[in-house]
Amino acid sequence: MAFATDPFSDAHAPAPELAVGEVAARSGVAVSALHFYESKGLIQSARSGGNQRRYPRAILRRVAFIKVAQRVGIPLAEIAEALQALPEGRTPTAADWRRLSREWRAELDERIRTLTQLRNQLDGCIGCGCLSLKACPLRNARDTLAREGPGPHFEP
C-alpha cells in the first residue's frame, strides 16, 4: 500500500515562525502591544516575502517574561535592559528569571514599604482636606511650611 504523503514527514510539525496575530492569540497580548514591544526593542520580528511580521516560536516565552515582569511592577525600561543583557537576543531561561528576580526583589521590597507607609498615612491627610496639617507626612513633612503662615502655599 502506498501513502500519498510520507507518514514520517514534518507535514504536521508546527511552523517555525508565527504571524503577529498568532503570537497575540497564543500570548494573550494585543497586536498593538506586540508592535509597541517591538518598537521598544523588547522583541524582534523578521519580515516575510509579503512584508508581514514573522516571529520565532521562542517569542512566546519572551512575551511571557515581559508580562510577568510588568505584572510585578518592573518598568519596561528595566525589562528592556535585562533582555538586552542576554546573549544575542536569547530567550530568557528559568535561571535568567531567578537571577533577575533576586536583583529586582530589593527594589520591589522598597516600593512595597513606601506604598504601605503612604497607605497608612493617607487617612489623616484626607481628613485634613487642604494638605497643610502641621504634621502632614505626605505634603508637609517636618512642618516646613508652617513658617509661611496658615493656608495653602503651593502654586498650581
C-alpha atoms as a PDB file:
ATOM      1  CA  MET A   1       0.000   0.000   0.000  1.00  0.00           C
ATOM      2  CA  ALA A   2       1.392   3.397  -0.979  1.00  0.00           C
ATOM      3  CA  PHE A   3       0.994   6.553   1.052  1.00  0.00           C
ATOM      4  CA  ALA A   4       0.059   9.810  -0.605  1.00  0.00           C
ATOM      5  CA  THR A   5       2.472  11.500   1.758  1.00  0.00           C
ATOM      6  CA  ASP A   6       5.374  10.267   3.800  1.00  0.00           C
ATOM      7  CA  PRO A   7       3.928   9.334   7.219  1.00  0.00           C
ATOM      8  CA  PHE A   8       7.239  10.288   8.839  1.00  0.00           C
ATOM      9  CA  SER A   9       7.475  13.762   7.312  1.00  0.00           C
ATOM     10  CA  ASP A  10       7.246  17.022   9.236  1.00  0.00           C
ATOM     11  CA  ALA A  11       3.995  17.945   7.485  1.00  0.00           C
ATOM     12  CA  HIS A  12       2.231  18.209  10.851  1.00  0.00           C
ATOM     13  CA  ALA A  13       5.097  19.904  12.676  1.00  0.00           C
ATOM     14  CA  PRO A  14       4.340  23.413  13.903  1.00  0.00           C
ATOM     15  CA  ALA A  15       5.511  26.262  11.710  1.00  0.00           C
ATOM     16  CA  PRO A  16       8.910  27.597  12.780  1.00  0.00           C
ATOM     17  CA  GLU A  17       7.594  31.165  12.720  1.00  0.00           C
ATOM     18  CA  LEU A  18       4.393  32.787  13.897  1.00  0.00           C
ATOM     19  CA  ALA A  19       2.409  35.671  12.449  1.00  0.00           C
ATOM     20  CA  VAL A  20       1.700  38.605  14.753  1.00  0.00           C
ATOM     21  CA  GLY A  21      -1.938  37.529  15.136  1.00  0.00           C
ATOM     22  CA  GLU A  22      -0.849  34.043  16.199  1.00  0.00           C
ATOM     23  CA  VAL A  23       1.535  35.489  18.802  1.00  0.00           C
ATOM     24  CA  ALA A  24      -1.252  37.749  20.081  1.00  0.00           C
ATOM     25  CA  ALA A  25      -3.721  34.871  20.329  1.00  0.00           C
ATOM     26  CA  ARG A  26      -1.287  32.483  21.996  1.00  0.00           C
ATOM     27  CA  SER A  27       0.180  35.028  24.426  1.00  0.00           C
ATOM     28  CA  GLY A  28      -2.970  36.958  25.297  1.00  0.00           C
ATOM     29  CA  VAL A  29      -1.213  40.208  24.361  1.00  0.00           C
ATOM     30  CA  ALA A  30      -2.819  42.634  21.914  1.00  0.00           C
ATOM     31  CA  VAL A  31      -1.236  43.075  18.487  1.00  0.00           C
ATOM     32  CA  SER A  32      -0.736  46.765  19.290  1.00  0.00           C
ATOM     33  CA  ALA A  33       1.195  45.803  22.447  1.00  0.00           C
ATOM     34  CA  LEU A  34       3.414  43.479  20.395  1.00  0.00           C
ATOM     35  CA  HIS A  35       4.127  46.314  17.979  1.00  0.00           C
ATOM     36  CA  PHE A  36       4.903  48.572  20.954  1.00  0.00           C
ATOM     37  CA  TYR A  37       7.256  45.958  22.468  1.00  0.00           C
ATOM     38  CA  GLU A  38       8.987  45.709  19.125  1.00  0.00           C
ATOM     39  CA  SER A  39       9.343  49.500  18.843  1.00  0.00           C
ATOM     40  CA  LYS A  40      10.998  49.486  22.291  1.00  0.00           C
ATOM     41  CA  GLY A  41      13.402  46.693  21.331  1.00  0.00           C
ATOM     42  CA  LEU A  42      11.873  44.129  23.688  1.00  0.00           C
ATOM     43  CA  ILE A  43      11.076  41.689  20.873  1.00  0.00           C
ATOM     44  CA  GLN A  44      12.132  41.341  17.255  1.00  0.00           C
ATOM     45  CA  SER A  45      10.481  40.078  14.125  1.00  0.00           C
ATOM     46  CA  ALA A  46      11.578  39.317  10.612  1.00  0.00           C
ATOM     47  CA  ARG A  47       9.616  40.243   7.504  1.00  0.00           C
ATOM     48  CA  SER A  48       8.127  37.672   5.172  1.00  0.00           C
ATOM     49  CA  GLY A  49       8.234  37.967   1.398  1.00  0.00           C
ATOM     50  CA  GLY A  50       4.857  39.714   1.645  1.00  0.00           C
ATOM     51  CA  ASN A  51       6.312  42.181   4.210  1.00  0.00           C
ATOM     52  CA  GLN A  52       4.407  40.640   7.135  1.00  0.00           C
ATOM     53  CA  ARG A  53       5.936  40.327  10.581  1.00  0.00           C
ATOM     54  CA  ARG A  54       7.095  36.833  11.496  1.00  0.00           C
ATOM     55  CA  TYR A  55       8.253  35.847  14.968  1.00  0.00           C
ATOM     56  CA  PRO A  56      10.239  32.812  16.053  1.00  0.00           C
ATOM     57  CA  ARG A  57       8.233  30.427  18.261  1.00  0.00           C
ATOM     58  CA  ALA A  58      10.512  31.289  21.199  1.00  0.00           C
ATOM     59  CA  ILE A  59       8.965  34.773  21.204  1.00  0.00           C
ATOM     60  CA  LEU A  60       6.090  33.344  23.265  1.00  0.00           C
ATOM     61  CA  ARG A  61       8.425  32.756  26.217  1.00  0.00           C
ATOM     62  CA  ARG A  62       9.948  36.211  25.808  1.00  0.00           C
ATOM     63  CA  VAL A  63       6.489  37.844  25.799  1.00  0.00           C
ATOM     64  CA  ALA A  64       5.513  35.812  28.874  1.00  0.00           C
ATOM     65  CA  PHE A  65       8.681  37.032  30.599  1.00  0.00           C
ATOM     66  CA  ILE A  66       7.795  40.650  29.768  1.00  0.00           C
ATOM     67  CA  LYS A  67       4.205  40.293  31.007  1.00  0.00           C
ATOM     68  CA  VAL A  68       5.201  38.659  34.310  1.00  0.00           C
ATOM     69  CA  ALA A  69       7.875  41.284  34.953  1.00  0.00           C
ATOM     70  CA  GLN A  70       5.343  44.054  34.211  1.00  0.00           C
ATOM     71  CA  ARG A  71       2.785  42.441  36.486  1.00  0.00           C
ATOM     72  CA  VAL A  72       5.150  42.594  39.458  1.00  0.00           C
ATOM     73  CA  GLY A  73       5.800  46.256  38.726  1.00  0.00           C
ATOM     74  CA  ILE A  74       9.071  46.267  36.809  1.00  0.00           C
ATOM     75  CA  PRO A  75       9.150  49.226  34.395  1.00  0.00           C
ATOM     76  CA  LEU A  76       9.543  48.411  30.693  1.00  0.00           C
ATOM     77  CA  ALA A  77      12.875  50.243  30.576  1.00  0.00           C
ATOM     78  CA  GLU A  78      14.296  47.864  33.195  1.00  0.00           C
ATOM     79  CA  ILE A  79      12.806  44.855  31.420  1.00  0.00           C
ATOM     80  CA  ALA A  80      14.417  46.000  28.164  1.00  0.00           C
ATOM     81  CA  GLU A  81      17.751  46.453  29.933  1.00  0.00           C
ATOM     82  CA  ALA A  82      17.540  42.926  31.361  1.00  0.00           C
ATOM     83  CA  LEU A  83      16.658  41.430  27.976  1.00  0.00           C
ATOM     84  CA  GLN A  84      19.447  43.324  26.217  1.00  0.00           C
ATOM     85  CA  ALA A  85      21.933  41.804  28.668  1.00  0.00           C
ATOM     86  CA  LEU A  86      21.118  38.332  27.345  1.00  0.00           C
ATOM     87  CA  PRO A  87      23.408  36.977  24.629  1.00  0.00           C
ATOM     88  CA  GLU A  88      22.183  37.864  21.096  1.00  0.00           C
ATOM     89  CA  GLY A  89      18.533  38.305  21.998  1.00  0.00           C
ATOM     90  CA  ARG A  90      18.327  34.852  23.586  1.00  0.00           C
ATOM     91  CA  THR A  91      15.032  33.861  25.159  1.00  0.00           C
ATOM     92  CA  PRO A  92      15.194  34.148  28.959  1.00  0.00           C
ATOM     93  CA  THR A  93      15.605  30.859  30.786  1.00  0.00           C
ATOM     94  CA  ALA A  94      14.426  29.841  34.247  1.00  0.00           C
ATOM     95  CA  ALA A  95      17.952  30.600  35.501  1.00  0.00           C
ATOM     96  CA  ASP A  96      17.742  34.098  33.962  1.00  0.00           C
ATOM     97  CA  TRP A  97      14.437  34.687  35.747  1.00  0.00           C
ATOM     98  CA  ARG A  98      15.866  33.550  39.111  1.00  0.00           C
ATOM     99  CA  ARG A  99      18.857  35.878  38.729  1.00  0.00           C
ATOM    100  CA  LEU A 100      16.726  38.856  37.685  1.00  0.00           C
ATOM    101  CA  SER A 101      14.115  38.266  40.367  1.00  0.00           C
ATOM    102  CA  ARG A 102      16.863  38.364  43.006  1.00  0.00           C
ATOM    103  CA  GLU A 103      18.062  41.685  41.566  1.00  0.00           C
ATOM    104  CA  TRP A 104      14.537  43.121  41.413  1.00  0.00           C
ATOM    105  CA  ARG A 105      13.472  41.870  44.852  1.00  0.00           C
ATOM    106  CA  ALA A 106      15.169  44.674  46.836  1.00  0.00           C
ATOM    107  CA  GLU A 107      13.599  47.328  44.609  1.00  0.00           C
ATOM    108  CA  LEU A 108      10.163  45.729  44.934  1.00  0.00           C
ATOM    109  CA  ASP A 109      10.541  45.413  48.716  1.00  0.00           C
ATOM    110  CA  GLU A 110      11.369  49.137  48.937  1.00  0.00           C
ATOM    111  CA  ARG A 111       8.393  50.034  46.746  1.00  0.00           C
ATOM    112  CA  ILE A 112       6.106  47.891  48.928  1.00  0.00           C
ATOM    113  CA  ARG A 113       7.471  49.543  52.085  1.00  0.00           C
ATOM    114  CA  THR A 114       6.921  53.035  50.640  1.00  0.00           C
ATOM    115  CA  LEU A 115       3.398  52.271  49.430  1.00  0.00           C
ATOM    116  CA  THR A 116       2.478  50.688  52.747  1.00  0.00           C
ATOM    117  CA  GLN A 117       3.708  53.780  54.583  1.00  0.00           C
ATOM    118  CA  LEU A 118       1.755  56.084  52.243  1.00  0.00           C
ATOM    119  CA  ARG A 119      -1.379  53.987  52.625  1.00  0.00           C
ATOM    120  CA  ASN A 120      -1.097  54.099  56.411  1.00  0.00           C
ATOM    121  CA  GLN A 121      -0.696  57.901  56.388  1.00  0.00           C
ATOM    122  CA  LEU A 122      -3.429  58.571  53.847  1.00  0.00           C
ATOM    123  CA  ASP A 123      -6.424  58.678  56.219  1.00  0.00           C
ATOM    124  CA  GLY A 124      -5.020  61.568  58.254  1.00  0.00           C
ATOM    125  CA  CYS A 125      -4.248  63.513  55.104  1.00  0.00           C
ATOM    126  CA  ILE A 126      -7.687  63.039  53.591  1.00  0.00           C
ATOM    127  CA  GLY A 127      -9.227  64.251  56.872  1.00  0.00           C
ATOM    128  CA  CYS A 128      -7.292  67.499  56.506  1.00  0.00           C
ATOM    129  CA  GLY A 129      -8.538  68.390  53.049  1.00  0.00           C
ATOM    130  CA  CYS A 130      -6.050  71.176  52.359  1.00  0.00           C
ATOM    131  CA  LEU A 131      -2.902  69.108  52.927  1.00  0.00           C
ATOM    132  CA  SER A 132      -1.425  71.764  55.216  1.00  0.00           C
ATOM    133  CA  LEU A 133      -1.650  69.992  58.573  1.00  0.00           C
ATOM    134  CA  LYS A 134       1.261  70.990  60.733  1.00  0.00           C
ATOM    135  CA  ALA A 135       2.373  67.389  60.804  1.00  0.00           C
ATOM    136  CA  CYS A 136       1.341  66.281  57.297  1.00  0.00           C
ATOM    137  CA  PRO A 137       3.799  63.500  56.431  1.00  0.00           C
ATOM    138  CA  LEU A 138       2.784  63.444  52.761  1.00  0.00           C
ATOM    139  CA  ARG A 139       2.822  67.083  51.669  1.00  0.00           C
ATOM    140  CA  ASN A 140       4.422  68.985  54.542  1.00  0.00           C
ATOM    141  CA  ALA A 141       6.986  66.661  56.057  1.00  0.00           C
ATOM    142  CA  ARG A 142       8.507  68.033  59.275  1.00  0.00           C
ATOM    143  CA  ASP A 143       6.131  71.038  59.100  1.00  0.00           C
ATOM    144  CA  THR A 144       8.449  73.097  56.878  1.00  0.00           C
ATOM    145  CA  LEU A 145       5.540  75.188  55.562  1.00  0.00           C
ATOM    146  CA  ALA A 146       4.307  76.342  58.963  1.00  0.00           C
ATOM    147  CA  ARG A 147       6.842  79.180  58.894  1.00  0.00           C
ATOM    148  CA  GLU A 148       4.997  80.648  55.881  1.00  0.00           C
ATOM    149  CA  GLY A 149       1.731  81.046  57.812  1.00  0.00           C
ATOM    150  CA  PRO A 150      -1.708  79.420  57.521  1.00  0.00           C
ATOM    151  CA  GLY A 151      -3.342  78.261  54.304  1.00  0.00           C
ATOM    152  CA  PRO A 152      -2.028  76.666  51.136  1.00  0.00           C
ATOM    153  CA  HIS A 153       1.437  77.598  49.910  1.00  0.00           C
ATOM    154  CA  PHE A 154       1.747  75.732  46.629  1.00  0.00           C
ATOM    155  CA  GLU A 155       1.087  77.452  43.334  1.00  0.00           C
ATOM    156  CA  PRO A 156      -0.700  75.393  40.674  1.00  0.00           C
END
